[in-house]
Full PDB file with SEQRES, HELIX, SHEET, SSBOND, CRYST1, ORIGX, SCALE, CONECT and MASTER records, all heavy atoms in Angstrom:
SEQRES   1 A   44  ILE PRO ALA PRO TRP VAL PRO GLY SER PRO THR VAL LEU          
SEQRES   2 A   44  VAL GLY GLY GLN PRO ALA LEU ASN GLN THR SER LYS LEU          
SEQRES   3 A   44  MET CYS ALA TYR ALA GLY VAL ILE SER VAL THR ASN PRO          
SEQRES   4 A   44  GLY CYS THR ASN ILE                                          
SHEET    1 AA1 2 LEU A  13  VAL A  14  0                                        
SHEET    2 AA1 2 GLN A  17  PRO A  18 -1                                        
SHEET    1 AA2 2 LYS A  25  MET A  27  0                                        
SHEET    2 AA2 2 VAL A  33  SER A  35 -1                                        
CRYST1    1.000    1.000    1.000  90.00  90.00  90.00 P 1           1          
ORIGX1      1.000000  0.000000  0.000000        0.00000                         
ORIGX2      0.000000  1.000000  0.000000        0.00000                         
ORIGX3      0.000000  0.000000  1.000000        0.00000                         
SCALE1      1.000000  0.000000  0.000000        0.00000                         
SCALE2      0.000000  1.000000  0.000000        0.00000                         
SCALE3      0.000000  0.000000  1.000000        0.00000                         
ATOM      1  N   ILE A   1      67.092  32.574 -22.205  1.00  0.00           N  
ATOM      2  CA  ILE A   1      65.852  31.892 -22.589  1.00  0.00           C  
ATOM      3  C   ILE A   1      64.818  32.914 -23.090  1.00  0.00           C  
ATOM      4  O   ILE A   1      64.277  33.680 -22.297  1.00  0.00           O  
ATOM      5  CB  ILE A   1      65.264  31.121 -21.379  1.00  0.00           C  
ATOM      6  CG1 ILE A   1      66.322  30.233 -20.724  1.00  0.00           C  
ATOM      7  CG2 ILE A   1      64.033  30.352 -21.791  1.00  0.00           C  
ATOM      8  CD1 ILE A   1      66.840  29.125 -21.580  1.00  0.00           C  
ATOM      9  N   PRO A   2      64.514  32.916 -24.394  1.00  0.00           N  
ATOM     10  CA  PRO A   2      63.557  33.885 -24.932  1.00  0.00           C  
ATOM     11  C   PRO A   2      62.095  33.445 -24.890  1.00  0.00           C  
ATOM     12  O   PRO A   2      61.208  34.258 -25.122  1.00  0.00           O  
ATOM     13  CB  PRO A   2      64.021  34.044 -26.385  1.00  0.00           C  
ATOM     14  CG  PRO A   2      64.624  32.729 -26.719  1.00  0.00           C  
ATOM     15  CD  PRO A   2      65.237  32.214 -25.442  1.00  0.00           C  
ATOM     16  N   ALA A   3      61.816  32.173 -24.615  1.00  0.00           N  
ATOM     17  CA  ALA A   3      60.437  31.679 -24.689  1.00  0.00           C  
ATOM     18  C   ALA A   3      60.224  30.546 -23.679  1.00  0.00           C  
ATOM     19  O   ALA A   3      61.187  29.980 -23.173  1.00  0.00           O  
ATOM     20  CB  ALA A   3      60.160  31.180 -26.109  1.00  0.00           C  
ATOM     21  N   PRO A   4      58.969  30.195 -23.415  1.00  0.00           N  
ATOM     22  CA  PRO A   4      58.675  29.101 -22.490  1.00  0.00           C  
ATOM     23  C   PRO A   4      59.060  27.735 -23.058  1.00  0.00           C  
ATOM     24  O   PRO A   4      59.412  27.600 -24.233  1.00  0.00           O  
ATOM     25  CB  PRO A   4      57.161  29.167 -22.309  1.00  0.00           C  
ATOM     26  CG  PRO A   4      56.705  30.421 -22.928  1.00  0.00           C  
ATOM     27  CD  PRO A   4      57.777  30.875 -23.867  1.00  0.00           C  
ATOM     28  N   TRP A   5      58.978  26.720 -22.204  1.00  0.00           N  
ATOM     29  CA  TRP A   5      59.178  25.332 -22.623  1.00  0.00           C  
ATOM     30  C   TRP A   5      58.130  24.985 -23.684  1.00  0.00           C  
ATOM     31  O   TRP A   5      57.015  25.499 -23.662  1.00  0.00           O  
ATOM     32  CB  TRP A   5      58.980  24.383 -21.448  1.00  0.00           C  
ATOM     33  CG  TRP A   5      60.048  24.396 -20.419  1.00  0.00           C  
ATOM     34  CD1 TRP A   5      60.151  25.242 -19.346  1.00  0.00           C  
ATOM     35  CD2 TRP A   5      61.160  23.502 -20.327  1.00  0.00           C  
ATOM     36  NE1 TRP A   5      61.249  24.921 -18.604  1.00  0.00           N  
ATOM     37  CE2 TRP A   5      61.890  23.854 -19.177  1.00  0.00           C  
ATOM     38  CE3 TRP A   5      61.609  22.427 -21.102  1.00  0.00           C  
ATOM     39  CZ2 TRP A   5      63.041  23.186 -18.781  1.00  0.00           C  
ATOM     40  CZ3 TRP A   5      62.746  21.755 -20.709  1.00  0.00           C  
ATOM     41  CH2 TRP A   5      63.459  22.138 -19.572  1.00  0.00           C  
ATOM     42  N   VAL A   6      58.473  24.099 -24.611  1.00  0.00           N  
ATOM     43  CA  VAL A   6      57.523  23.614 -25.618  1.00  0.00           C  
ATOM     44  C   VAL A   6      57.589  22.101 -25.701  1.00  0.00           C  
ATOM     45  O   VAL A   6      58.647  21.529 -25.504  1.00  0.00           O  
ATOM     46  CB  VAL A   6      57.801  24.232 -27.020  1.00  0.00           C  
ATOM     47  CG1 VAL A   6      57.449  25.687 -27.037  1.00  0.00           C  
ATOM     48  CG2 VAL A   6      59.218  24.009 -27.481  1.00  0.00           C  
ATOM     49  N   PRO A   7      56.543  21.381 -25.950  1.00  0.00           N  
ATOM     50  CA  PRO A   7      55.214  21.928 -26.080  1.00  0.00           C  
ATOM     51  C   PRO A   7      54.452  22.022 -24.760  1.00  0.00           C  
ATOM     52  O   PRO A   7      53.418  22.683 -24.707  1.00  0.00           O  
ATOM     53  CB  PRO A   7      54.530  20.939 -27.008  1.00  0.00           C  
ATOM     54  CG  PRO A   7      55.142  19.624 -26.667  1.00  0.00           C  
ATOM     55  CD  PRO A   7      56.573  19.962 -26.317  1.00  0.00           C  
ATOM     56  N   GLY A   8      54.859  21.388 -23.718  1.00  0.00           N  
ATOM     57  CA  GLY A   8      54.038  21.324 -22.512  1.00  0.00           C  
ATOM     58  C   GLY A   8      52.914  20.328 -22.727  1.00  0.00           C  
ATOM     59  O   GLY A   8      52.717  19.815 -23.829  1.00  0.00           O  
ATOM     60  N   SER A   9      52.188  20.041 -21.690  1.00  0.00           N  
ATOM     61  CA  SER A   9      51.073  19.098 -21.797  1.00  0.00           C  
ATOM     62  C   SER A   9      49.814  19.855 -22.219  1.00  0.00           C  
ATOM     63  O   SER A   9      49.395  20.781 -21.526  1.00  0.00           O  
ATOM     64  CB  SER A   9      50.841  18.410 -20.456  1.00  0.00           C  
ATOM     65  OG  SER A   9      49.718  17.564 -20.546  1.00  0.00           O  
ATOM     66  N   PRO A  10      49.195  19.469 -23.328  1.00  0.00           N  
ATOM     67  CA  PRO A  10      48.031  20.214 -23.814  1.00  0.00           C  
ATOM     68  C   PRO A  10      46.781  20.043 -22.952  1.00  0.00           C  
ATOM     69  O   PRO A  10      45.871  20.854 -23.029  1.00  0.00           O  
ATOM     70  CB  PRO A  10      47.811  19.646 -25.215  1.00  0.00           C  
ATOM     71  CG  PRO A  10      48.376  18.274 -25.156  1.00  0.00           C  
ATOM     72  CD  PRO A  10      49.544  18.352 -24.196  1.00  0.00           C  
ATOM     73  N   THR A  11      46.725  19.012 -22.138  1.00  0.00           N  
ATOM     74  CA  THR A  11      45.499  18.733 -21.392  1.00  0.00           C  
ATOM     75  C   THR A  11      45.642  18.818 -19.875  1.00  0.00           C  
ATOM     76  O   THR A  11      44.654  18.723 -19.167  1.00  0.00           O  
ATOM     77  CB  THR A  11      44.966  17.333 -21.747  1.00  0.00           C  
ATOM     78  OG1 THR A  11      45.977  16.371 -21.450  1.00  0.00           O  
ATOM     79  CG2 THR A  11      44.587  17.247 -23.208  1.00  0.00           C  
ATOM     80  N   VAL A  12      46.878  18.992 -19.372  1.00  0.00           N  
ATOM     81  CA  VAL A  12      47.084  19.076 -17.926  1.00  0.00           C  
ATOM     82  C   VAL A  12      47.560  20.481 -17.590  1.00  0.00           C  
ATOM     83  O   VAL A  12      48.646  20.885 -17.990  1.00  0.00           O  
ATOM     84  CB  VAL A  12      48.108  18.030 -17.434  1.00  0.00           C  
ATOM     85  CG1 VAL A  12      48.341  18.168 -15.947  1.00  0.00           C  
ATOM     86  CG2 VAL A  12      47.643  16.617 -17.781  1.00  0.00           C  
ATOM     87  N   LEU A  13      46.724  21.226 -16.874  1.00  0.00           N  
ATOM     88  CA  LEU A  13      47.071  22.581 -16.476  1.00  0.00           C  
ATOM     89  C   LEU A  13      47.387  22.609 -14.983  1.00  0.00           C  
ATOM     90  O   LEU A  13      46.722  21.961 -14.186  1.00  0.00           O  
ATOM     91  CB  LEU A  13      45.920  23.544 -16.768  1.00  0.00           C  
ATOM     92  CG  LEU A  13      45.493  23.688 -18.228  1.00  0.00           C  
ATOM     93  CD1 LEU A  13      44.350  24.685 -18.354  1.00  0.00           C  
ATOM     94  CD2 LEU A  13      46.660  24.089 -19.103  1.00  0.00           C  
ATOM     95  N   VAL A  14      48.419  23.362 -14.636  1.00  0.00           N  
ATOM     96  CA  VAL A  14      48.815  23.547 -13.243  1.00  0.00           C  
ATOM     97  C   VAL A  14      48.823  25.056 -13.000  1.00  0.00           C  
ATOM     98  O   VAL A  14      49.637  25.764 -13.589  1.00  0.00           O  
ATOM     99  CB  VAL A  14      50.214  22.940 -12.970  1.00  0.00           C  
ATOM    100  CG1 VAL A  14      50.637  23.203 -11.539  1.00  0.00           C  
ATOM    101  CG2 VAL A  14      50.225  21.455 -13.284  1.00  0.00           C  
ATOM    102  N   GLY A  15      47.900  25.531 -12.190  1.00  0.00           N  
ATOM    103  CA  GLY A  15      47.795  26.969 -11.972  1.00  0.00           C  
ATOM    104  C   GLY A  15      47.522  27.736 -13.251  1.00  0.00           C  
ATOM    105  O   GLY A  15      48.005  28.851 -13.427  1.00  0.00           O  
ATOM    106  N   GLY A  16      46.785  27.141 -14.177  1.00  0.00           N  
ATOM    107  CA  GLY A  16      46.440  27.794 -15.435  1.00  0.00           C  
ATOM    108  C   GLY A  16      47.484  27.682 -16.525  1.00  0.00           C  
ATOM    109  O   GLY A  16      47.288  28.187 -17.622  1.00  0.00           O  
ATOM    110  N   GLN A  17      48.610  27.027 -16.259  1.00  0.00           N  
ATOM    111  CA  GLN A  17      49.688  26.858 -17.246  1.00  0.00           C  
ATOM    112  C   GLN A  17      49.831  25.380 -17.609  1.00  0.00           C  
ATOM    113  O   GLN A  17      49.655  24.520 -16.748  1.00  0.00           O  
ATOM    114  CB  GLN A  17      51.017  27.339 -16.675  1.00  0.00           C  
ATOM    115  CG  GLN A  17      51.092  28.821 -16.445  1.00  0.00           C  
ATOM    116  CD  GLN A  17      51.191  29.581 -17.754  1.00  0.00           C  
ATOM    117  OE1 GLN A  17      51.817  29.138 -18.705  1.00  0.00           O  
ATOM    118  NE2 GLN A  17      50.552  30.735 -17.810  1.00  0.00           N  
ATOM    119  N   PRO A  18      50.169  25.072 -18.870  1.00  0.00           N  
ATOM    120  CA  PRO A  18      50.411  23.669 -19.222  1.00  0.00           C  
ATOM    121  C   PRO A  18      51.569  23.083 -18.403  1.00  0.00           C  
ATOM    122  O   PRO A  18      52.598  23.728 -18.201  1.00  0.00           O  
ATOM    123  CB  PRO A  18      50.788  23.733 -20.707  1.00  0.00           C  
ATOM    124  CG  PRO A  18      50.169  24.998 -21.199  1.00  0.00           C  
ATOM    125  CD  PRO A  18      50.256  25.953 -20.040  1.00  0.00           C  
ATOM    126  N   ALA A  19      51.360  21.876 -17.917  1.00  0.00           N  
ATOM    127  CA  ALA A  19      52.405  21.173 -17.163  1.00  0.00           C  
ATOM    128  C   ALA A  19      53.504  20.703 -18.113  1.00  0.00           C  
ATOM    129  O   ALA A  19      53.279  20.531 -19.312  1.00  0.00           O  
ATOM    130  CB  ALA A  19      51.804  19.970 -16.434  1.00  0.00           C  
ATOM    131  N   LEU A  20      54.705  20.509 -17.564  1.00  0.00           N  
ATOM    132  CA  LEU A  20      55.808  19.962 -18.364  1.00  0.00           C  
ATOM    133  C   LEU A  20      55.780  18.452 -18.298  1.00  0.00           C  
ATOM    134  O   LEU A  20      55.502  17.875 -17.246  1.00  0.00           O  
ATOM    135  CB  LEU A  20      57.164  20.400 -17.810  1.00  0.00           C  
ATOM    136  CG  LEU A  20      57.593  21.828 -18.011  1.00  0.00           C  
ATOM    137  CD1 LEU A  20      59.038  21.995 -17.560  1.00  0.00           C  
ATOM    138  CD2 LEU A  20      57.442  22.254 -19.436  1.00  0.00           C  
ATOM    139  N   ASN A  21      56.085  17.810 -19.417  1.00  0.00           N  
ATOM    140  CA  ASN A  21      56.386  16.384 -19.372  1.00  0.00           C  
ATOM    141  C   ASN A  21      57.824  16.204 -19.823  1.00  0.00           C  
ATOM    142  O   ASN A  21      58.465  17.149 -20.269  1.00  0.00           O  
ATOM    143  CB  ASN A  21      55.385  15.535 -20.158  1.00  0.00           C  
ATOM    144  CG  ASN A  21      55.501  15.664 -21.652  1.00  0.00           C  
ATOM    145  OD1 ASN A  21      56.564  15.928 -22.191  1.00  0.00           O  
ATOM    146  ND2 ASN A  21      54.399  15.460 -22.343  1.00  0.00           N  
ATOM    147  N   GLN A  22      58.336  15.011 -19.677  1.00  0.00           N  
ATOM    148  CA  GLN A  22      59.767  14.798 -19.905  1.00  0.00           C  
ATOM    149  C   GLN A  22      60.201  14.998 -21.345  1.00  0.00           C  
ATOM    150  O   GLN A  22      61.395  15.081 -21.619  1.00  0.00           O  
ATOM    151  CB  GLN A  22      60.172  13.415 -19.425  1.00  0.00           C  
ATOM    152  CG  GLN A  22      59.624  12.285 -20.287  1.00  0.00           C  
ATOM    153  CD  GLN A  22      59.869  10.933 -19.707  1.00  0.00           C  
ATOM    154  OE1 GLN A  22      59.626  10.714 -18.528  1.00  0.00           O  
ATOM    155  NE2 GLN A  22      60.354  10.029 -20.517  1.00  0.00           N  
ATOM    156  N   THR A  23      59.276  15.131 -22.286  1.00  0.00           N  
ATOM    157  CA  THR A  23      59.657  15.357 -23.681  1.00  0.00           C  
ATOM    158  C   THR A  23      59.692  16.841 -24.051  1.00  0.00           C  
ATOM    159  O   THR A  23      60.075  17.180 -25.162  1.00  0.00           O  
ATOM    160  CB  THR A  23      58.708  14.618 -24.640  1.00  0.00           C  
ATOM    161  OG1 THR A  23      57.390  15.124 -24.462  1.00  0.00           O  
ATOM    162  CG2 THR A  23      58.732  13.117 -24.388  1.00  0.00           C  
ATOM    163  N   SER A  24      59.299  17.715 -23.135  1.00  0.00           N  
ATOM    164  CA  SER A  24      59.324  19.163 -23.407  1.00  0.00           C  
ATOM    165  C   SER A  24      60.762  19.631 -23.593  1.00  0.00           C  
ATOM    166  O   SER A  24      61.691  19.082 -23.003  1.00  0.00           O  
ATOM    167  CB  SER A  24      58.682  19.926 -22.247  1.00  0.00           C  
ATOM    168  OG  SER A  24      57.330  19.565 -22.087  1.00  0.00           O  
ATOM    169  N   LYS A  25      60.944  20.658 -24.409  1.00  0.00           N  
ATOM    170  CA  LYS A  25      62.272  21.227 -24.691  1.00  0.00           C  
ATOM    171  C   LYS A  25      62.237  22.729 -24.425  1.00  0.00           C  
ATOM    172  O   LYS A  25      61.204  23.369 -24.509  1.00  0.00           O  
ATOM    173  CB  LYS A  25      62.679  21.004 -26.146  1.00  0.00           C  
ATOM    174  CG  LYS A  25      62.665  19.566 -26.601  1.00  0.00           C  
ATOM    175  CD  LYS A  25      63.815  18.794 -26.055  1.00  0.00           C  
ATOM    176  CE  LYS A  25      63.816  17.391 -26.639  1.00  0.00           C  
ATOM    177  NZ  LYS A  25      64.275  16.390 -25.737  1.00  0.00           N  
ATOM    178  N   LEU A  26      63.426  23.263 -24.152  1.00  0.00           N  
ATOM    179  CA  LEU A  26      63.584  24.692 -23.927  1.00  0.00           C  
ATOM    180  C   LEU A  26      64.732  25.163 -24.812  1.00  0.00           C  
ATOM    181  O   LEU A  26      65.797  24.549 -24.826  1.00  0.00           O  
ATOM    182  CB  LEU A  26      63.895  24.947 -22.444  1.00  0.00           C  
ATOM    183  CG  LEU A  26      63.912  26.376 -21.955  1.00  0.00           C  
ATOM    184  CD1 LEU A  26      62.542  27.036 -22.160  1.00  0.00           C  
ATOM    185  CD2 LEU A  26      64.267  26.405 -20.477  1.00  0.00           C  
ATOM    186  N   MET A  27      64.507  26.220 -25.560  1.00  0.00           N  
ATOM    187  CA  MET A  27      65.521  26.717 -26.490  1.00  0.00           C  
ATOM    188  C   MET A  27      66.292  27.873 -25.873  1.00  0.00           C  
ATOM    189  O   MET A  27      65.714  28.793 -25.318  1.00  0.00           O  
ATOM    190  CB  MET A  27      64.865  27.193 -27.781  1.00  0.00           C  
ATOM    191  CG  MET A  27      63.947  26.166 -28.408  1.00  0.00           C  
ATOM    192  SD  MET A  27      64.671  24.545 -28.475  1.00  0.00           S  
ATOM    193  CE  MET A  27      64.564  24.209 -30.167  1.00  0.00           C  
ATOM    194  N   CYS A  28      67.610  27.808 -26.000  1.00  0.00           N  
ATOM    195  CA  CYS A  28      68.490  28.878 -25.556  1.00  0.00           C  
ATOM    196  C   CYS A  28      68.771  29.777 -26.758  1.00  0.00           C  
ATOM    197  O   CYS A  28      68.932  29.291 -27.883  1.00  0.00           O  
ATOM    198  CB  CYS A  28      69.789  28.296 -25.003  1.00  0.00           C  
ATOM    199  SG  CYS A  28      71.018  29.542 -24.544  1.00  0.00           S  
ATOM    200  N   ALA A  29      68.865  31.069 -26.531  1.00  0.00           N  
ATOM    201  CA  ALA A  29      69.147  32.014 -27.614  1.00  0.00           C  
ATOM    202  C   ALA A  29      70.524  31.787 -28.225  1.00  0.00           C  
ATOM    203  O   ALA A  29      70.801  32.270 -29.322  1.00  0.00           O  
ATOM    204  CB  ALA A  29      69.024  33.445 -27.109  1.00  0.00           C  
ATOM    205  N   TYR A  30      71.410  31.066 -27.539  1.00  0.00           N  
ATOM    206  CA  TYR A  30      72.747  30.777 -28.060  1.00  0.00           C  
ATOM    207  C   TYR A  30      72.775  29.469 -28.844  1.00  0.00           C  
ATOM    208  O   TYR A  30      73.822  28.901 -29.071  1.00  0.00           O  
ATOM    209  CB  TYR A  30      73.766  30.724 -26.918  1.00  0.00           C  
ATOM    210  CG  TYR A  30      73.792  31.977 -26.079  1.00  0.00           C  
ATOM    211  CD1 TYR A  30      73.812  31.888 -24.693  1.00  0.00           C  
ATOM    212  CD2 TYR A  30      73.796  33.239 -26.656  1.00  0.00           C  
ATOM    213  CE1 TYR A  30      73.833  33.032 -23.905  1.00  0.00           C  
ATOM    214  CE2 TYR A  30      73.809  34.391 -25.878  1.00  0.00           C  
ATOM    215  CZ  TYR A  30      73.831  34.273 -24.500  1.00  0.00           C  
ATOM    216  OH  TYR A  30      73.849  35.407 -23.721  1.00  0.00           O  
ATOM    217  N   ALA A  31      71.606  28.946 -29.231  1.00  0.00           N  
ATOM    218  CA  ALA A  31      71.422  27.773 -30.084  1.00  0.00           C  
ATOM    219  C   ALA A  31      71.398  26.446 -29.337  1.00  0.00           C  
ATOM    220  O   ALA A  31      71.288  25.402 -29.952  1.00  0.00           O  
ATOM    221  CB  ALA A  31      72.455  27.714 -31.207  1.00  0.00           C  
ATOM    222  N   GLY A  32      71.477  26.459 -28.037  1.00  0.00           N  
ATOM    223  CA  GLY A  32      71.390  25.217 -27.273  1.00  0.00           C  
ATOM    224  C   GLY A  32      69.953  24.761 -27.115  1.00  0.00           C  
ATOM    225  O   GLY A  32      69.017  25.555 -27.174  1.00  0.00           O  
ATOM    226  N   VAL A  33      69.785  23.459 -26.932  1.00  0.00           N  
ATOM    227  CA  VAL A  33      68.481  22.873 -26.658  1.00  0.00           C  
ATOM    228  C   VAL A  33      68.571  22.213 -25.287  1.00  0.00           C  
ATOM    229  O   VAL A  33      69.425  21.353 -25.066  1.00  0.00           O  
ATOM    230  CB  VAL A  33      68.074  21.837 -27.728  1.00  0.00           C  
ATOM    231  CG1 VAL A  33      66.732  21.204 -27.383  1.00  0.00           C  
ATOM    232  CG2 VAL A  33      68.037  22.476 -29.106  1.00  0.00           C  
ATOM    233  N   ILE A  34      67.694  22.615 -24.394  1.00  0.00           N  
ATOM    234  CA  ILE A  34      67.678  22.078 -23.036  1.00  0.00           C  
ATOM    235  C   ILE A  34      66.600  21.015 -22.960  1.00  0.00           C  
ATOM    236  O   ILE A  34      65.452  21.242 -23.372  1.00  0.00           O  
ATOM    237  CB  ILE A  34      67.421  23.204 -22.014  1.00  0.00           C  
ATOM    238  CG1 ILE A  34      68.550  24.234 -22.105  1.00  0.00           C  
ATOM    239  CG2 ILE A  34      67.286  22.628 -20.601  1.00  0.00           C  
ATOM    240  CD1 ILE A  34      68.284  25.515 -21.347  1.00  0.00           C  
ATOM    241  N   SER A  35      66.979  19.853 -22.455  1.00  0.00           N  
ATOM    242  CA  SER A  35      66.032  18.745 -22.336  1.00  0.00           C  
ATOM    243  C   SER A  35      66.063  18.180 -20.923  1.00  0.00           C  
ATOM    244  O   SER A  35      66.993  18.417 -20.147  1.00  0.00           O  
ATOM    245  CB  SER A  35      66.356  17.657 -23.358  1.00  0.00           C  
ATOM    246  OG  SER A  35      67.672  17.205 -23.176  1.00  0.00           O  
ATOM    247  N   VAL A  36      65.031  17.427 -20.600  1.00  0.00           N  
ATOM    248  CA  VAL A  36      64.893  16.797 -19.291  1.00  0.00           C  
ATOM    249  C   VAL A  36      65.510  15.404 -19.369  1.00  0.00           C  
ATOM    250  O   VAL A  36      65.108  14.594 -20.198  1.00  0.00           O  
ATOM    251  CB  VAL A  36      63.404  16.691 -18.887  1.00  0.00           C  
ATOM    252  CG1 VAL A  36      63.241  15.979 -17.560  1.00  0.00           C  
ATOM    253  CG2 VAL A  36      62.763  18.068 -18.861  1.00  0.00           C  
ATOM    254  N   THR A  37      66.505  15.135 -18.525  1.00  0.00           N  
ATOM    255  CA  THR A  37      67.125  13.809 -18.509  1.00  0.00           C  
ATOM    256  C   THR A  37      66.559  12.923 -17.401  1.00  0.00           C  
ATOM    257  O   THR A  37      66.607  11.714 -17.503  1.00  0.00           O  
ATOM    258  CB  THR A  37      68.652  13.907 -18.349  1.00  0.00           C  
ATOM    259  OG1 THR A  37      68.956  14.615 -17.148  1.00  0.00           O  
ATOM    260  CG2 THR A  37      69.277  14.612 -19.551  1.00  0.00           C  
ATOM    261  N   ASN A  38      66.033  13.545 -16.345  1.00  0.00           N  
ATOM    262  CA  ASN A  38      65.367  12.817 -15.266  1.00  0.00           C  
ATOM    263  C   ASN A  38      64.238  13.715 -14.785  1.00  0.00           C  
ATOM    264  O   ASN A  38      64.492  14.814 -14.297  1.00  0.00           O  
ATOM    265  CB  ASN A  38      66.350  12.519 -14.130  1.00  0.00           C  
ATOM    266  CG  ASN A  38      65.707  11.745 -12.999  1.00  0.00           C  
ATOM    267  OD1 ASN A  38      64.529  11.878 -12.714  1.00  0.00           O  
ATOM    268  ND2 ASN A  38      66.498  10.933 -12.335  1.00  0.00           N  
ATOM    269  N   PRO A  39      62.976  13.276 -14.905  1.00  0.00           N  
ATOM    270  CA  PRO A  39      61.850  14.165 -14.615  1.00  0.00           C  
ATOM    271  C   PRO A  39      61.647  14.525 -13.146  1.00  0.00           C  
ATOM    272  O   PRO A  39      60.859  15.404 -12.832  1.00  0.00           O  
ATOM    273  CB  PRO A  39      60.646  13.403 -15.161  1.00  0.00           C  
ATOM    274  CG  PRO A  39      61.054  11.979 -15.136  1.00  0.00           C  
ATOM    275  CD  PRO A  39      62.534  11.975 -15.394  1.00  0.00           C  
ATOM    276  N   GLY A  40      62.324  13.872 -12.234  1.00  0.00           N  
ATOM    277  CA  GLY A  40      62.148  14.192 -10.821  1.00  0.00           C  
ATOM    278  C   GLY A  40      60.972  13.496 -10.174  1.00  0.00           C  
ATOM    279  O   GLY A  40      60.881  13.418  -8.970  1.00  0.00           O  
ATOM    280  N   CYS A  41      60.024  13.015 -10.965  1.00  0.00           N  
ATOM    281  CA  CYS A  41      58.884  12.218 -10.501  1.00  0.00           C  
ATOM    282  C   CYS A  41      58.867  10.961 -11.360  1.00  0.00           C  
ATOM    283  O   CYS A  41      59.142  11.020 -12.546  1.00  0.00           O  
ATOM    284  CB  CYS A  41      57.566  12.925 -10.732  1.00  0.00           C  
ATOM    285  SG  CYS A  41      57.398  14.580 -10.104  1.00  0.00           S  
ATOM    286  N   THR A  42      58.553   9.858 -10.757  1.00  0.00           N  
ATOM    287  CA  THR A  42      58.512   8.618 -11.552  1.00  0.00           C  
ATOM    288  C   THR A  42      57.161   7.914 -11.479  1.00  0.00           C  
ATOM    289  O   THR A  42      57.017   6.814 -11.992  1.00  0.00           O  
ATOM    290  CB  THR A  42      59.604   7.642 -11.083  1.00  0.00           C  
ATOM    291  OG1 THR A  42      59.405   7.380  -9.684  1.00  0.00           O  
ATOM    292  CG2 THR A  42      60.985   8.214 -11.328  1.00  0.00           C  
ATOM    293  N   ASN A  43      56.178   8.567 -10.857  1.00  0.00           N  
ATOM    294  CA  ASN A  43      54.893   7.891 -10.711  1.00  0.00           C  
ATOM    295  C   ASN A  43      53.711   8.693 -11.223  1.00  0.00           C  
ATOM    296  O   ASN A  43      52.572   8.351 -10.973  1.00  0.00           O  
ATOM    297  CB  ASN A  43      54.662   7.533  -9.232  1.00  0.00           C  
ATOM    298  CG  ASN A  43      54.690   8.751  -8.330  1.00  0.00           C  
ATOM    299  OD1 ASN A  43      55.070   9.831  -8.757  1.00  0.00           O  
ATOM    300  ND2 ASN A  43      54.284   8.572  -7.089  1.00  0.00           N  
ATOM    301  N   ILE A  44      53.963   9.771 -11.986  1.00  0.00           N  
ATOM    302  CA  ILE A  44      52.879  10.598 -12.517  1.00  0.00           C  
ATOM    303  C   ILE A  44      53.054  10.714 -14.023  1.00  0.00           C  
ATOM    304  O   ILE A  44      53.985  11.349 -14.502  1.00  0.00           O  
ATOM    305  CB  ILE A  44      52.883  12.002 -11.885  1.00  0.00           C  
ATOM    306  CG1 ILE A  44      52.846  11.916 -10.366  1.00  0.00           C  
ATOM    307  CG2 ILE A  44      51.696  12.806 -12.409  1.00  0.00           C  
ATOM    308  CD1 ILE A  44      53.136  13.227  -9.677  1.00  0.00           C  
TER     309      ILE A  44                                                      
MASTER        0    0    0    0    4    0    0    6  308    1    0    4          
END                                                                             
């Protein structure tokens, strides 16, 4: 993983960092795209 998740939430910061939402993606240097299939929370 060469970079952080994108795009993150532009308006919700957690400890000074943008929070992840279920549409955020993470790029692998081997050309894979990592996505969230179940966010782990269903009420936020």
